[in-house]
Structures are given as structure tokens and as C-alpha cells.
Amino acid sequence: MTALHRHPRLQGGLALLYGGRSAERAISLQSGAAVGAALERLGLRVQAIDTAGEGWLQRWPEGCRHAFIALHGPGGEDGSVQGALQQLGVGHTGSGVLASALAMDKLRSKQLWRGLGLPTPDFVLAGADTDWAAVMADFGVAFVKPVREGSSIGMARVTTATELEQAWGEAARYDSAVLVERAVAGPEYTVAILGGDALPVIQVETERSFYDYQAKYHTDTTRYHCPSDLSAEAEAELQQLALAAYRSLGCRDWGRVDVMAEADGAWQLLEVNTVPGMTDHSLVPMAARAAGLGFDELVARILQHSLADGEGAP
């Protein structure tokens, strides 16, 4: 039992939002199950709500004034649920409406970073009239990404104009806006953020062509190095860059920043995840363990930060 159960905003119980209808539903179901179990171990009265159900907002539990959001992808991580809760006067974990929408939108987050002088790979917004050969002549190797998806869904690595056009068609199944981004040689790193602090950096190593959905969730050969291979100075530099990217979007409570390293060691920001995976094998819990925080304490800290933030305004 923790002091959390005595917090005034939790007297009517805590809603746990999970599932949803995005392409990341399967991962959200796992995150929700893990977070829900942790909240119960913390002594909290939890009402689990799968937002794929019709009319869930209209059936909001009476007296419930706070929610833990474990939704991934569009419809849960893009500001829409955050806005709905705000209209109900319900607080929530994680970033507010504007920050969630910006972080979910890879194009606009990259445009904002460019405006602030933060490093991110060159990119173009692709469409049916894009000159595929010209893009590949500029980039050499590129990644194609739906602008508003996560978990590498709809993403592909391409090396020719023909591959680029085909990958654009596949990505467009998930989002009307498709980003083409210059490929960075790697390696890939991820920085979890809790409150105002960056947790230990994780280096991601995969035998696949990139860290795709298969490598994230279905392959045993993906390796995670925490501590990473970075020197103390380089790790501190990367943590500060991740915090700058996170803060520039107005994010709060917690999140994860994905970064690539150029061959010369220069950093390139990829994206910010405002509701990262929360299974026992996910990256934020992994970084938390390296910082001495167990899964239950991590969940408690996220909740504590959100309660300190007040009503969940952006």
C-alpha cells in the first residue's frame, strides 16, 4: 500500500485506458495488463477501460477524476483522448493535447526541431507526384514512415526509386501523410525520460535491416545494451539533447526519445514517444531498472508526476 491511494484526486478510483483501435492495439493490451497489475499491487482501486468499446466516455465511472493512459498510436497518443478527458475535467498521466499531437506527428516535430536548430535527418513529405528518383539521388538510402503511426508500423527502408514508390503506397495505407527521411547509418539509441530527468541510455542492436515491428516485438535476436557503449561524456550529451527535444514539444511526466548516431558520432533526432510501451520487456522499464527503479515504482512515479501537474492541461 502506498500514499497514492490517499491522494484526493484518486478517492473516486483511477481509470486505466488501454486497448483502443489503432494498429498498436495488441501492444496497448499488453501495456495495460502490466500497468493494471502494478497499480493494483500499489493498493489503488482501478477501473480498466478498453477505449475500443462504443460509448466509453459516456459511461465514465462516477467520481473518477484521474486516468492512467496506456494507449499507443492514433486515437490514444495523439491528443484526442487527452482532449476528451480535459473536457470531462479528468486529469491524466502523460503529455497534454498539444504536446501529444506534436509528438505523434513526425513531420511537425521535425519541422519544429529544425526551427530550433536541433538535429534531425533530412526529410520530404511524399505524395503521388513525388519525383522518386530525385529523392533517392539526394538521400541514397531512405526510410519511409507514416507521419502519425508508431511501433515502426508501415515503415520501410529503401535503396531504389522503385522501392521508394512501393513503400510509399504501403505507408499510405496507414496515414494520408507519408514522410521520407534520409537514413542514418546508426547505431540507434533511446532515452527514457521520467519527470524532468533522463534515465540511462539504451543502445539498440538488431540483425534486421532496421529496428522494425518484428525486431521490437517478435525477434529474440534484438539486443539492448544498458549501460550503452557511450562514454560518460557522450551519454550526458545525448541525454541533454533528448531532454531538449522532449521539452521543445511541451511533453511532461514521461516519454522516450529515439535517436540515431551518424558515422562521425553526430546525433540525429528521430521522434518522441509520449506513451511508450509498458510491458515488463519494454524499453522505459528497462532504463528504469538501470536507474534502480522497479516496474511498480516506475508506474507510481509516472502517476505521481501527473498528479503534481494538476488537471492535465497542455
C-alpha atoms as a PDB file:
ATOM      1  CA  MET A   1       0.000   0.000   0.000  1.00  0.00           C
ATOM      2  CA  THR A   2       1.353   3.460  -0.902  1.00  0.00           C
ATOM      3  CA  ALA A   3       0.402   7.023  -0.047  1.00  0.00           C
ATOM      4  CA  LEU A   4      -1.013   7.331  -3.558  1.00  0.00           C
ATOM      5  CA  HIS A   5      -4.323   5.778  -2.561  1.00  0.00           C
ATOM      6  CA  ARG A   6      -4.881   8.718  -0.175  1.00  0.00           C
ATOM      7  CA  HIS A   7      -4.443  11.382  -2.861  1.00  0.00           C
ATOM      8  CA  PRO A   8      -7.634  13.494  -3.217  1.00  0.00           C
ATOM      9  CA  ARG A   9      -7.813  13.005  -6.987  1.00  0.00           C
ATOM     10  CA  LEU A  10      -7.780   9.233  -6.565  1.00  0.00           C
ATOM     11  CA  GLN A  11     -10.543   8.981  -3.968  1.00  0.00           C
ATOM     12  CA  GLY A  12     -13.021   8.051  -6.693  1.00  0.00           C
ATOM     13  CA  GLY A  13     -10.682   5.451  -8.164  1.00  0.00           C
ATOM     14  CA  LEU A  14      -8.307   5.558 -11.111  1.00  0.00           C
ATOM     15  CA  ALA A  15      -9.248   4.808 -14.715  1.00  0.00           C
ATOM     16  CA  LEU A  16      -6.773   2.807 -16.793  1.00  0.00           C
ATOM     17  CA  LEU A  17      -7.234   3.455 -20.508  1.00  0.00           C
ATOM     18  CA  TYR A  18      -5.826   0.777 -22.787  1.00  0.00           C
ATOM     19  CA  GLY A  19      -6.513  -1.193 -25.978  1.00  0.00           C
ATOM     20  CA  GLY A  20      -8.105   1.234 -28.396  1.00  0.00           C
ATOM     21  CA  ARG A  21      -8.466   0.820 -32.136  1.00  0.00           C
ATOM     22  CA  SER A  22      -5.075   1.798 -33.527  1.00  0.00           C
ATOM     23  CA  ALA A  23      -2.688  -0.548 -35.306  1.00  0.00           C
ATOM     24  CA  GLU A  24      -0.824  -0.717 -31.974  1.00  0.00           C
ATOM     25  CA  ARG A  25      -3.789  -2.217 -30.119  1.00  0.00           C
ATOM     26  CA  ALA A  26      -2.021  -5.517 -29.404  1.00  0.00           C
ATOM     27  CA  ILE A  27       0.866  -3.735 -27.679  1.00  0.00           C
ATOM     28  CA  SER A  28      -1.510  -1.488 -25.743  1.00  0.00           C
ATOM     29  CA  LEU A  29      -3.345  -4.537 -24.412  1.00  0.00           C
ATOM     30  CA  GLN A  30      -0.041  -5.831 -23.042  1.00  0.00           C
ATOM     31  CA  SER A  31       0.921  -2.443 -21.588  1.00  0.00           C
ATOM     32  CA  GLY A  32      -2.490  -2.094 -19.978  1.00  0.00           C
ATOM     33  CA  ALA A  33      -2.290  -5.527 -18.376  1.00  0.00           C
ATOM     34  CA  ALA A  34       1.172  -4.836 -16.932  1.00  0.00           C
ATOM     35  CA  VAL A  35       0.304  -1.340 -15.674  1.00  0.00           C
ATOM     36  CA  GLY A  36      -3.018  -2.520 -14.255  1.00  0.00           C
ATOM     37  CA  ALA A  37      -1.316  -5.267 -12.258  1.00  0.00           C
ATOM     38  CA  ALA A  38       1.221  -2.771 -10.920  1.00  0.00           C
ATOM     39  CA  LEU A  39      -1.495  -0.285  -9.908  1.00  0.00           C
ATOM     40  CA  GLU A  40      -3.340  -2.992  -8.009  1.00  0.00           C
ATOM     41  CA  ARG A  41      -0.128  -4.006  -6.228  1.00  0.00           C
ATOM     42  CA  LEU A  42       0.213  -0.335  -5.264  1.00  0.00           C
ATOM     43  CA  GLY A  43      -3.127  -0.598  -3.498  1.00  0.00           C
ATOM     44  CA  LEU A  44      -5.135   1.513  -5.920  1.00  0.00           C
ATOM     45  CA  ARG A  45      -8.741   0.962  -6.980  1.00  0.00           C
ATOM     46  CA  VAL A  46      -8.525   0.662 -10.760  1.00  0.00           C
ATOM     47  CA  GLN A  47     -11.247   0.714 -13.423  1.00  0.00           C
ATOM     48  CA  ALA A  48      -9.794  -0.696 -16.664  1.00  0.00           C
ATOM     49  CA  ILE A  49     -11.415   0.737 -19.799  1.00  0.00           C
ATOM     50  CA  ASP A  50     -10.759  -0.564 -23.311  1.00  0.00           C
ATOM     51  CA  THR A  51     -11.398   2.508 -25.463  1.00  0.00           C
ATOM     52  CA  ALA A  52     -12.302   0.326 -28.447  1.00  0.00           C
ATOM     53  CA  GLY A  53     -15.722  -0.037 -26.847  1.00  0.00           C
ATOM     54  CA  GLU A  54     -18.525   2.223 -28.027  1.00  0.00           C
ATOM     55  CA  GLY A  55     -19.645   4.987 -25.682  1.00  0.00           C
ATOM     56  CA  TRP A  56     -16.898   4.519 -23.093  1.00  0.00           C
ATOM     57  CA  LEU A  57     -16.719   8.257 -22.438  1.00  0.00           C
ATOM     58  CA  GLN A  58     -20.469   8.435 -21.833  1.00  0.00           C
ATOM     59  CA  ARG A  59     -20.121   5.630 -19.286  1.00  0.00           C
ATOM     60  CA  TRP A  60     -17.282   7.300 -17.399  1.00  0.00           C
ATOM     61  CA  PRO A  61     -17.079   5.944 -13.817  1.00  0.00           C
ATOM     62  CA  GLU A  62     -18.821   8.297 -11.427  1.00  0.00           C
ATOM     63  CA  GLY A  63     -16.399  10.168  -9.189  1.00  0.00           C
ATOM     64  CA  CYS A  64     -13.308   9.117 -11.162  1.00  0.00           C
ATOM     65  CA  ARG A  65     -11.117  12.194 -11.628  1.00  0.00           C
ATOM     66  CA  HIS A  66      -7.846  10.794 -12.962  1.00  0.00           C
ATOM     67  CA  ALA A  67      -6.698   8.356 -15.652  1.00  0.00           C
ATOM     68  CA  PHE A  68      -3.548   6.413 -16.427  1.00  0.00           C
ATOM     69  CA  ILE A  69      -3.198   6.355 -20.208  1.00  0.00           C
ATOM     70  CA  ALA A  70      -1.675   3.164 -21.644  1.00  0.00           C
ATOM     71  CA  LEU A  71      -2.902   3.735 -25.207  1.00  0.00           C
ATOM     72  CA  HIS A  72      -0.471   3.698 -28.126  1.00  0.00           C
ATOM     73  CA  GLY A  73      -0.841   5.244 -31.558  1.00  0.00           C
ATOM     74  CA  PRO A  74      -3.601   7.344 -33.153  1.00  0.00           C
ATOM     75  CA  GLY A  75      -6.709   7.809 -31.076  1.00  0.00           C
ATOM     76  CA  GLY A  76      -4.828   7.482 -27.806  1.00  0.00           C
ATOM     77  CA  GLU A  77      -1.389   9.044 -28.094  1.00  0.00           C
ATOM     78  CA  ASP A  78      -2.223  11.923 -30.449  1.00  0.00           C
ATOM     79  CA  GLY A  79      -4.062  14.298 -28.123  1.00  0.00           C
ATOM     80  CA  SER A  80      -7.602  13.148 -28.882  1.00  0.00           C
ATOM     81  CA  VAL A  81      -8.156  11.154 -25.683  1.00  0.00           C
ATOM     82  CA  GLN A  82      -6.278  13.811 -23.731  1.00  0.00           C
ATOM     83  CA  GLY A  83      -8.684  16.454 -25.054  1.00  0.00           C
ATOM     84  CA  ALA A  84     -11.729  14.345 -24.240  1.00  0.00           C
ATOM     85  CA  LEU A  85     -10.542  13.835 -20.674  1.00  0.00           C
ATOM     86  CA  GLN A  86      -9.842  17.530 -20.340  1.00  0.00           C
ATOM     87  CA  GLN A  87     -13.430  18.287 -21.324  1.00  0.00           C
ATOM     88  CA  LEU A  88     -14.598  15.900 -18.599  1.00  0.00           C
ATOM     89  CA  GLY A  89     -12.380  17.622 -16.055  1.00  0.00           C
ATOM     90  CA  VAL A  90     -10.371  14.430 -15.647  1.00  0.00           C
ATOM     91  CA  GLY A  91      -6.611  14.568 -15.134  1.00  0.00           C
ATOM     92  CA  HIS A  92      -4.307  12.038 -16.781  1.00  0.00           C
ATOM     93  CA  THR A  93      -0.782  10.742 -16.998  1.00  0.00           C
ATOM     94  CA  GLY A  94       1.495  11.919 -19.754  1.00  0.00           C
ATOM     95  CA  SER A  95       1.587  14.875 -22.081  1.00  0.00           C
ATOM     96  CA  GLY A  96      -1.321  17.188 -22.811  1.00  0.00           C
ATOM     97  CA  VAL A  97      -3.251  17.766 -26.020  1.00  0.00           C
ATOM     98  CA  LEU A  98      -0.777  19.931 -27.934  1.00  0.00           C
ATOM     99  CA  ALA A  99       2.379  18.062 -26.935  1.00  0.00           C
ATOM    100  CA  SER A 100       0.766  14.694 -27.702  1.00  0.00           C
ATOM    101  CA  ALA A 101      -0.376  15.871 -31.134  1.00  0.00           C
ATOM    102  CA  LEU A 102       3.031  17.347 -31.987  1.00  0.00           C
ATOM    103  CA  ALA A 103       4.977  14.294 -30.863  1.00  0.00           C
ATOM    104  CA  MET A 104       2.666  11.941 -32.773  1.00  0.00           C
ATOM    105  CA  ASP A 105       3.185  13.999 -35.935  1.00  0.00           C
ATOM    106  CA  LYS A 106       6.726  13.180 -37.123  1.00  0.00           C
ATOM    107  CA  LEU A 107       6.628  15.880 -39.790  1.00  0.00           C
ATOM    108  CA  ARG A 108       5.704  18.750 -37.494  1.00  0.00           C
ATOM    109  CA  SER A 109       8.010  17.657 -34.693  1.00  0.00           C
ATOM    110  CA  LYS A 110      10.914  17.576 -37.169  1.00  0.00           C
ATOM    111  CA  GLN A 111       9.930  20.977 -38.560  1.00  0.00           C
ATOM    112  CA  LEU A 112       9.882  22.388 -35.033  1.00  0.00           C
ATOM    113  CA  TRP A 113      13.288  20.884 -34.230  1.00  0.00           C
ATOM    114  CA  ARG A 114      14.738  22.315 -37.422  1.00  0.00           C
ATOM    115  CA  GLY A 115      13.411  25.731 -36.444  1.00  0.00           C
ATOM    116  CA  LEU A 116      15.124  25.449 -33.055  1.00  0.00           C
ATOM    117  CA  GLY A 117      18.387  24.196 -34.516  1.00  0.00           C
ATOM    118  CA  LEU A 118      18.037  20.677 -33.102  1.00  0.00           C
ATOM    119  CA  PRO A 119      19.497  17.942 -35.361  1.00  0.00           C
ATOM    120  CA  THR A 120      17.174  15.629 -37.303  1.00  0.00           C
ATOM    121  CA  PRO A 121      17.739  13.788 -40.618  1.00  0.00           C
ATOM    122  CA  ASP A 122      16.757  15.479 -43.886  1.00  0.00           C
ATOM    123  CA  PHE A 123      13.212  14.661 -44.966  1.00  0.00           C
ATOM    124  CA  VAL A 124      10.480  15.283 -47.528  1.00  0.00           C
ATOM    125  CA  LEU A 125       6.729  14.811 -47.452  1.00  0.00           C
ATOM    126  CA  ALA A 126       5.921  12.312 -50.210  1.00  0.00           C
ATOM    127  CA  GLY A 127       2.885  12.166 -52.467  1.00  0.00           C
ATOM    128  CA  ALA A 128       1.749  10.566 -55.704  1.00  0.00           C
ATOM    129  CA  ASP A 129       3.547  13.283 -57.699  1.00  0.00           C
ATOM    130  CA  THR A 130       6.893  12.910 -55.873  1.00  0.00           C
ATOM    131  CA  ASP A 131       9.976  12.514 -58.071  1.00  0.00           C
ATOM    132  CA  TRP A 132      11.108   9.217 -56.551  1.00  0.00           C
ATOM    133  CA  ALA A 133      14.412   9.138 -58.433  1.00  0.00           C
ATOM    134  CA  ALA A 134      15.310  12.663 -57.329  1.00  0.00           C
ATOM    135  CA  VAL A 135      14.610  11.843 -53.680  1.00  0.00           C
ATOM    136  CA  MET A 136      16.810   8.759 -53.810  1.00  0.00           C
ATOM    137  CA  ALA A 137      19.549  10.705 -55.582  1.00  0.00           C
ATOM    138  CA  ASP A 138      19.556  13.101 -52.630  1.00  0.00           C
ATOM    139  CA  PHE A 139      19.232  10.550 -49.828  1.00  0.00           C
ATOM    140  CA  GLY A 140      20.944   7.403 -51.180  1.00  0.00           C
ATOM    141  CA  VAL A 141      19.183   5.246 -48.587  1.00  0.00           C
ATOM    142  CA  ALA A 142      15.912   6.345 -47.003  1.00  0.00           C
ATOM    143  CA  PHE A 143      13.232   5.384 -44.543  1.00  0.00           C
ATOM    144  CA  VAL A 144       9.556   5.700 -45.416  1.00  0.00           C
ATOM    145  CA  LYS A 145       7.238   6.362 -42.467  1.00  0.00           C
ATOM    146  CA  PRO A 146       3.556   7.131 -41.961  1.00  0.00           C
ATOM    147  CA  VAL A 147       3.615  10.541 -40.285  1.00  0.00           C
ATOM    148  CA  ARG A 148       1.215   9.606 -37.478  1.00  0.00           C
ATOM    149  CA  GLU A 149       1.953   5.974 -36.570  1.00  0.00           C
ATOM    150  CA  GLY A 150       4.190   4.267 -34.022  1.00  0.00           C
ATOM    151  CA  SER A 151       5.948   0.936 -33.390  1.00  0.00           C
ATOM    152  CA  SER A 152       7.511   1.185 -36.895  1.00  0.00           C
ATOM    153  CA  ILE A 153       4.126   0.221 -38.399  1.00  0.00           C
ATOM    154  CA  GLY A 154       4.049   0.903 -42.145  1.00  0.00           C
ATOM    155  CA  MET A 155       7.745   1.768 -42.104  1.00  0.00           C
ATOM    156  CA  ALA A 156      10.303   0.565 -44.674  1.00  0.00           C
ATOM    157  CA  ARG A 157      13.953   1.013 -45.582  1.00  0.00           C
ATOM    158  CA  VAL A 158      14.502   1.656 -49.306  1.00  0.00           C
ATOM    159  CA  THR A 159      17.504   1.928 -51.610  1.00  0.00           C
ATOM    160  CA  THR A 160      15.922   2.485 -55.047  1.00  0.00           C
ATOM    161  CA  ALA A 161      13.279   4.724 -56.571  1.00  0.00           C
ATOM    162  CA  THR A 162      11.081   1.695 -57.300  1.00  0.00           C
ATOM    163  CA  GLU A 163      11.290   0.524 -53.684  1.00  0.00           C
ATOM    164  CA  LEU A 164      10.507   4.058 -52.530  1.00  0.00           C
ATOM    165  CA  GLU A 165       7.330   4.319 -54.589  1.00  0.00           C
ATOM    166  CA  GLN A 166       6.160   0.881 -53.426  1.00  0.00           C
ATOM    167  CA  ALA A 167       6.921   1.692 -49.779  1.00  0.00           C
ATOM    168  CA  TRP A 168       5.055   4.991 -50.073  1.00  0.00           C
ATOM    169  CA  GLY A 169       1.984   3.098 -51.281  1.00  0.00           C
ATOM    170  CA  GLU A 170       2.199   0.717 -48.319  1.00  0.00           C
ATOM    171  CA  ALA A 171       2.734   3.529 -45.775  1.00  0.00           C
ATOM    172  CA  ALA A 172      -0.204   5.465 -47.234  1.00  0.00           C
ATOM    173  CA  ARG A 173      -2.479   2.611 -46.101  1.00  0.00           C
ATOM    174  CA  TYR A 174      -1.855   3.773 -42.534  1.00  0.00           C
ATOM    175  CA  ASP A 175      -1.763   7.549 -42.968  1.00  0.00           C
ATOM    176  CA  SER A 176      -2.528  10.023 -45.735  1.00  0.00           C
ATOM    177  CA  ALA A 177       0.736  11.816 -44.872  1.00  0.00           C
ATOM    178  CA  VAL A 178       3.957   9.887 -45.560  1.00  0.00           C
ATOM    179  CA  LEU A 179       7.450  11.025 -44.628  1.00  0.00           C
ATOM    180  CA  VAL A 180      10.641  10.055 -46.455  1.00  0.00           C
ATOM    181  CA  GLU A 181      13.688  10.501 -44.249  1.00  0.00           C
ATOM    182  CA  ARG A 182      17.385  10.175 -45.063  1.00  0.00           C
ATOM    183  CA  ALA A 183      18.747   7.009 -43.484  1.00  0.00           C
ATOM    184  CA  VAL A 184      21.354   7.410 -40.763  1.00  0.00           C
ATOM    185  CA  ALA A 185      23.955   4.664 -40.534  1.00  0.00           C
ATOM    186  CA  GLY A 186      23.417   4.070 -36.813  1.00  0.00           C
ATOM    187  CA  PRO A 187      23.714   2.816 -34.165  1.00  0.00           C
ATOM    188  CA  GLU A 188      20.322   3.583 -32.612  1.00  0.00           C
ATOM    189  CA  TYR A 189      19.795   4.806 -29.068  1.00  0.00           C
ATOM    190  CA  THR A 190      16.749   5.547 -26.974  1.00  0.00           C
ATOM    191  CA  VAL A 191      16.473   7.828 -23.962  1.00  0.00           C
ATOM    192  CA  ALA A 192      13.633   7.365 -21.477  1.00  0.00           C
ATOM    193  CA  ILE A 193      12.521  10.450 -19.576  1.00  0.00           C
ATOM    194  CA  LEU A 194      10.795  10.430 -16.213  1.00  0.00           C
ATOM    195  CA  GLY A 195       9.655  13.745 -14.821  1.00  0.00           C
ATOM    196  CA  GLY A 196      12.454  16.153 -15.684  1.00  0.00           C
ATOM    197  CA  ASP A 197      15.218  13.554 -15.730  1.00  0.00           C
ATOM    198  CA  ALA A 198      16.735  11.437 -18.481  1.00  0.00           C
ATOM    199  CA  LEU A 199      17.235   7.798 -17.485  1.00  0.00           C
ATOM    200  CA  PRO A 200      20.265   5.708 -18.558  1.00  0.00           C
ATOM    201  CA  VAL A 201      20.639   5.452 -22.347  1.00  0.00           C
ATOM    202  CA  ILE A 202      19.818   2.180 -24.104  1.00  0.00           C
ATOM    203  CA  GLN A 203      21.637   1.160 -27.271  1.00  0.00           C
ATOM    204  CA  VAL A 204      19.529  -0.941 -29.655  1.00  0.00           C
ATOM    205  CA  GLU A 205      21.193  -3.560 -31.854  1.00  0.00           C
ATOM    206  CA  THR A 206      19.271  -5.635 -34.401  1.00  0.00           C
ATOM    207  CA  GLU A 207      20.279  -8.114 -37.080  1.00  0.00           C
ATOM    208  CA  ARG A 208      17.387  -6.928 -39.262  1.00  0.00           C
ATOM    209  CA  SER A 209      17.751  -4.097 -41.761  1.00  0.00           C
ATOM    210  CA  PHE A 210      16.353  -1.728 -39.134  1.00  0.00           C
ATOM    211  CA  TYR A 211      14.562  -1.753 -35.774  1.00  0.00           C
ATOM    212  CA  ASP A 212      11.163  -2.653 -37.222  1.00  0.00           C
ATOM    213  CA  TYR A 213       7.984  -4.098 -35.665  1.00  0.00           C
ATOM    214  CA  GLN A 214       9.362  -7.634 -35.944  1.00  0.00           C
ATOM    215  CA  ALA A 215      12.616  -6.658 -34.221  1.00  0.00           C
ATOM    216  CA  LYS A 216      10.726  -4.853 -31.460  1.00  0.00           C
ATOM    217  CA  TYR A 217       8.159  -7.487 -30.572  1.00  0.00           C
ATOM    218  CA  HIS A 218       8.803 -10.869 -32.199  1.00  0.00           C
ATOM    219  CA  THR A 219      12.561 -11.439 -32.558  1.00  0.00           C
ATOM    220  CA  ASP A 220      14.805 -12.876 -29.862  1.00  0.00           C
ATOM    221  CA  THR A 221      17.997 -11.661 -31.542  1.00  0.00           C
ATOM    222  CA  THR A 222      17.437  -7.951 -30.877  1.00  0.00           C
ATOM    223  CA  ARG A 223      19.948  -6.819 -28.233  1.00  0.00           C
ATOM    224  CA  TYR A 224      19.607  -3.941 -25.797  1.00  0.00           C
ATOM    225  CA  HIS A 225      22.709  -2.528 -24.141  1.00  0.00           C
ATOM    226  CA  CYS A 226      22.158  -0.627 -20.914  1.00  0.00           C
ATOM    227  CA  PRO A 227      24.598   0.731 -19.965  1.00  0.00           C
ATOM    228  CA  SER A 228      25.283   1.694 -23.564  1.00  0.00           C
ATOM    229  CA  ASP A 229      28.646   1.752 -25.300  1.00  0.00           C
ATOM    230  CA  LEU A 230      28.886   5.533 -24.892  1.00  0.00           C
ATOM    231  CA  SER A 231      31.437   7.347 -22.783  1.00  0.00           C
ATOM    232  CA  ALA A 232      30.072   9.220 -19.780  1.00  0.00           C
ATOM    233  CA  GLU A 233      30.502  12.496 -21.660  1.00  0.00           C
ATOM    234  CA  ALA A 234      28.722  11.274 -24.788  1.00  0.00           C
ATOM    235  CA  GLU A 235      25.879   9.779 -22.749  1.00  0.00           C
ATOM    236  CA  ALA A 236      25.375  13.053 -20.878  1.00  0.00           C
ATOM    237  CA  GLU A 237      25.368  14.942 -24.191  1.00  0.00           C
ATOM    238  CA  LEU A 238      22.752  12.598 -25.639  1.00  0.00           C
ATOM    239  CA  GLN A 239      20.585  12.852 -22.522  1.00  0.00           C
ATOM    240  CA  GLN A 240      20.630  16.652 -22.749  1.00  0.00           C
ATOM    241  CA  LEU A 241      19.684  16.538 -26.433  1.00  0.00           C
ATOM    242  CA  ALA A 242      16.812  14.155 -25.669  1.00  0.00           C
ATOM    243  CA  LEU A 243      15.559  16.449 -22.906  1.00  0.00           C
ATOM    244  CA  ALA A 244      15.742  19.437 -25.260  1.00  0.00           C
ATOM    245  CA  ALA A 245      13.708  17.600 -27.916  1.00  0.00           C
ATOM    246  CA  TYR A 246      11.167  16.428 -25.331  1.00  0.00           C
ATOM    247  CA  ARG A 247      10.761  19.867 -23.775  1.00  0.00           C
ATOM    248  CA  SER A 248      10.544  21.621 -27.148  1.00  0.00           C
ATOM    249  CA  LEU A 249       7.278  19.771 -27.832  1.00  0.00           C
ATOM    250  CA  GLY A 250       5.901  20.613 -24.391  1.00  0.00           C
ATOM    251  CA  CYS A 251       5.947  17.000 -23.162  1.00  0.00           C
ATOM    252  CA  ARG A 252       5.599  16.139 -19.492  1.00  0.00           C
ATOM    253  CA  ASP A 253       5.549  13.308 -16.926  1.00  0.00           C
ATOM    254  CA  TRP A 254       7.327  10.683 -19.011  1.00  0.00           C
ATOM    255  CA  GLY A 255       8.269   9.604 -22.518  1.00  0.00           C
ATOM    256  CA  ARG A 256      11.021   8.225 -24.703  1.00  0.00           C
ATOM    257  CA  VAL A 257      13.208   9.889 -27.334  1.00  0.00           C
ATOM    258  CA  ASP A 258      14.662   7.847 -30.213  1.00  0.00           C
ATOM    259  CA  VAL A 259      17.972   8.971 -31.703  1.00  0.00           C
ATOM    260  CA  MET A 260      20.443   7.736 -34.319  1.00  0.00           C
ATOM    261  CA  ALA A 261      24.187   8.372 -34.489  1.00  0.00           C
ATOM    262  CA  GLU A 262      25.934   9.350 -37.706  1.00  0.00           C
ATOM    263  CA  ALA A 263      29.187   7.637 -38.690  1.00  0.00           C
ATOM    264  CA  ASP A 264      31.064  10.611 -37.221  1.00  0.00           C
ATOM    265  CA  GLY A 265      29.140  10.368 -33.948  1.00  0.00           C
ATOM    266  CA  ALA A 266      26.806  13.297 -34.586  1.00  0.00           C
ATOM    267  CA  TRP A 267      23.297  12.825 -33.158  1.00  0.00           C
ATOM    268  CA  GLN A 268      20.089  12.857 -35.207  1.00  0.00           C
ATOM    269  CA  LEU A 269      16.685  13.008 -33.514  1.00  0.00           C
ATOM    270  CA  LEU A 270      14.023  10.631 -34.858  1.00  0.00           C
ATOM    271  CA  GLU A 271      10.914  11.011 -32.698  1.00  0.00           C
ATOM    272  CA  VAL A 272       9.416  11.366 -29.233  1.00  0.00           C
ATOM    273  CA  ASN A 273       7.044   8.726 -27.857  1.00  0.00           C
ATOM    274  CA  THR A 274       4.646  10.187 -25.289  1.00  0.00           C
ATOM    275  CA  VAL A 275       3.106   6.836 -24.241  1.00  0.00           C
ATOM    276  CA  PRO A 276       5.864   4.248 -24.756  1.00  0.00           C
ATOM    277  CA  GLY A 277       5.337   0.537 -24.262  1.00  0.00           C
ATOM    278  CA  MET A 278       4.973  -0.550 -20.645  1.00  0.00           C
ATOM    279  CA  THR A 279       5.357  -4.309 -20.658  1.00  0.00           C
ATOM    280  CA  ASP A 280       7.997  -5.947 -18.485  1.00  0.00           C
ATOM    281  CA  HIS A 281      10.201  -6.160 -21.585  1.00  0.00           C
ATOM    282  CA  SER A 282       9.702  -2.592 -22.838  1.00  0.00           C
ATOM    283  CA  LEU A 283      12.484  -0.018 -23.033  1.00  0.00           C
ATOM    284  CA  VAL A 284      11.293   2.520 -20.455  1.00  0.00           C
ATOM    285  CA  PRO A 285      11.044  -0.148 -17.713  1.00  0.00           C
ATOM    286  CA  MET A 286      14.475  -1.403 -18.827  1.00  0.00           C
ATOM    287  CA  ALA A 287      16.017   2.056 -18.401  1.00  0.00           C
ATOM    288  CA  ALA A 288      14.211   2.477 -15.084  1.00  0.00           C
ATOM    289  CA  ARG A 289      15.703  -0.789 -13.809  1.00  0.00           C
ATOM    290  CA  ALA A 290      19.161   0.506 -14.729  1.00  0.00           C
ATOM    291  CA  ALA A 291      18.375   3.576 -12.594  1.00  0.00           C
ATOM    292  CA  GLY A 292      17.318   1.374  -9.674  1.00  0.00           C
ATOM    293  CA  LEU A 293      13.541   1.613 -10.178  1.00  0.00           C
ATOM    294  CA  GLY A 294      11.372  -1.498 -10.306  1.00  0.00           C
ATOM    295  CA  PHE A 295       8.296  -1.657 -12.534  1.00  0.00           C
ATOM    296  CA  ASP A 296       5.823  -0.824  -9.761  1.00  0.00           C
ATOM    297  CA  GLU A 297       7.878   2.157  -8.617  1.00  0.00           C
ATOM    298  CA  LEU A 298       8.113   3.380 -12.213  1.00  0.00           C
ATOM    299  CA  VAL A 299       4.317   3.237 -12.562  1.00  0.00           C
ATOM    300  CA  ALA A 300       3.949   5.033  -9.220  1.00  0.00           C
ATOM    301  CA  ARG A 301       6.398   7.763 -10.283  1.00  0.00           C
ATOM    302  CA  ILE A 302       4.541   8.369 -13.552  1.00  0.00           C
ATOM    303  CA  LEU A 303       1.287   8.676 -11.651  1.00  0.00           C
ATOM    304  CA  GLN A 304       2.835  10.942  -9.020  1.00  0.00           C
ATOM    305  CA  HIS A 305       4.216  13.318 -11.678  1.00  0.00           C
ATOM    306  CA  SER A 306       0.810  13.520 -13.347  1.00  0.00           C
ATOM    307  CA  LEU A 307      -0.946  14.302 -10.059  1.00  0.00           C
ATOM    308  CA  ALA A 308       1.580  17.033  -9.336  1.00  0.00           C
ATOM    309  CA  ASP A 309       0.809  18.524 -12.780  1.00  0.00           C
ATOM    310  CA  GLY A 310      -2.809  19.143 -11.804  1.00  0.00           C
ATOM    311  CA  GLU A 311      -5.682  18.882 -14.257  1.00  0.00           C
ATOM    312  CA  GLY A 312      -3.799  17.555 -17.267  1.00  0.00           C
ATOM    313  CA  ALA A 313      -3.804  20.813 -19.227  1.00  0.00           C
ATOM    314  CA  PRO A 314      -1.442  21.006 -22.214  1.00  0.00           C
END
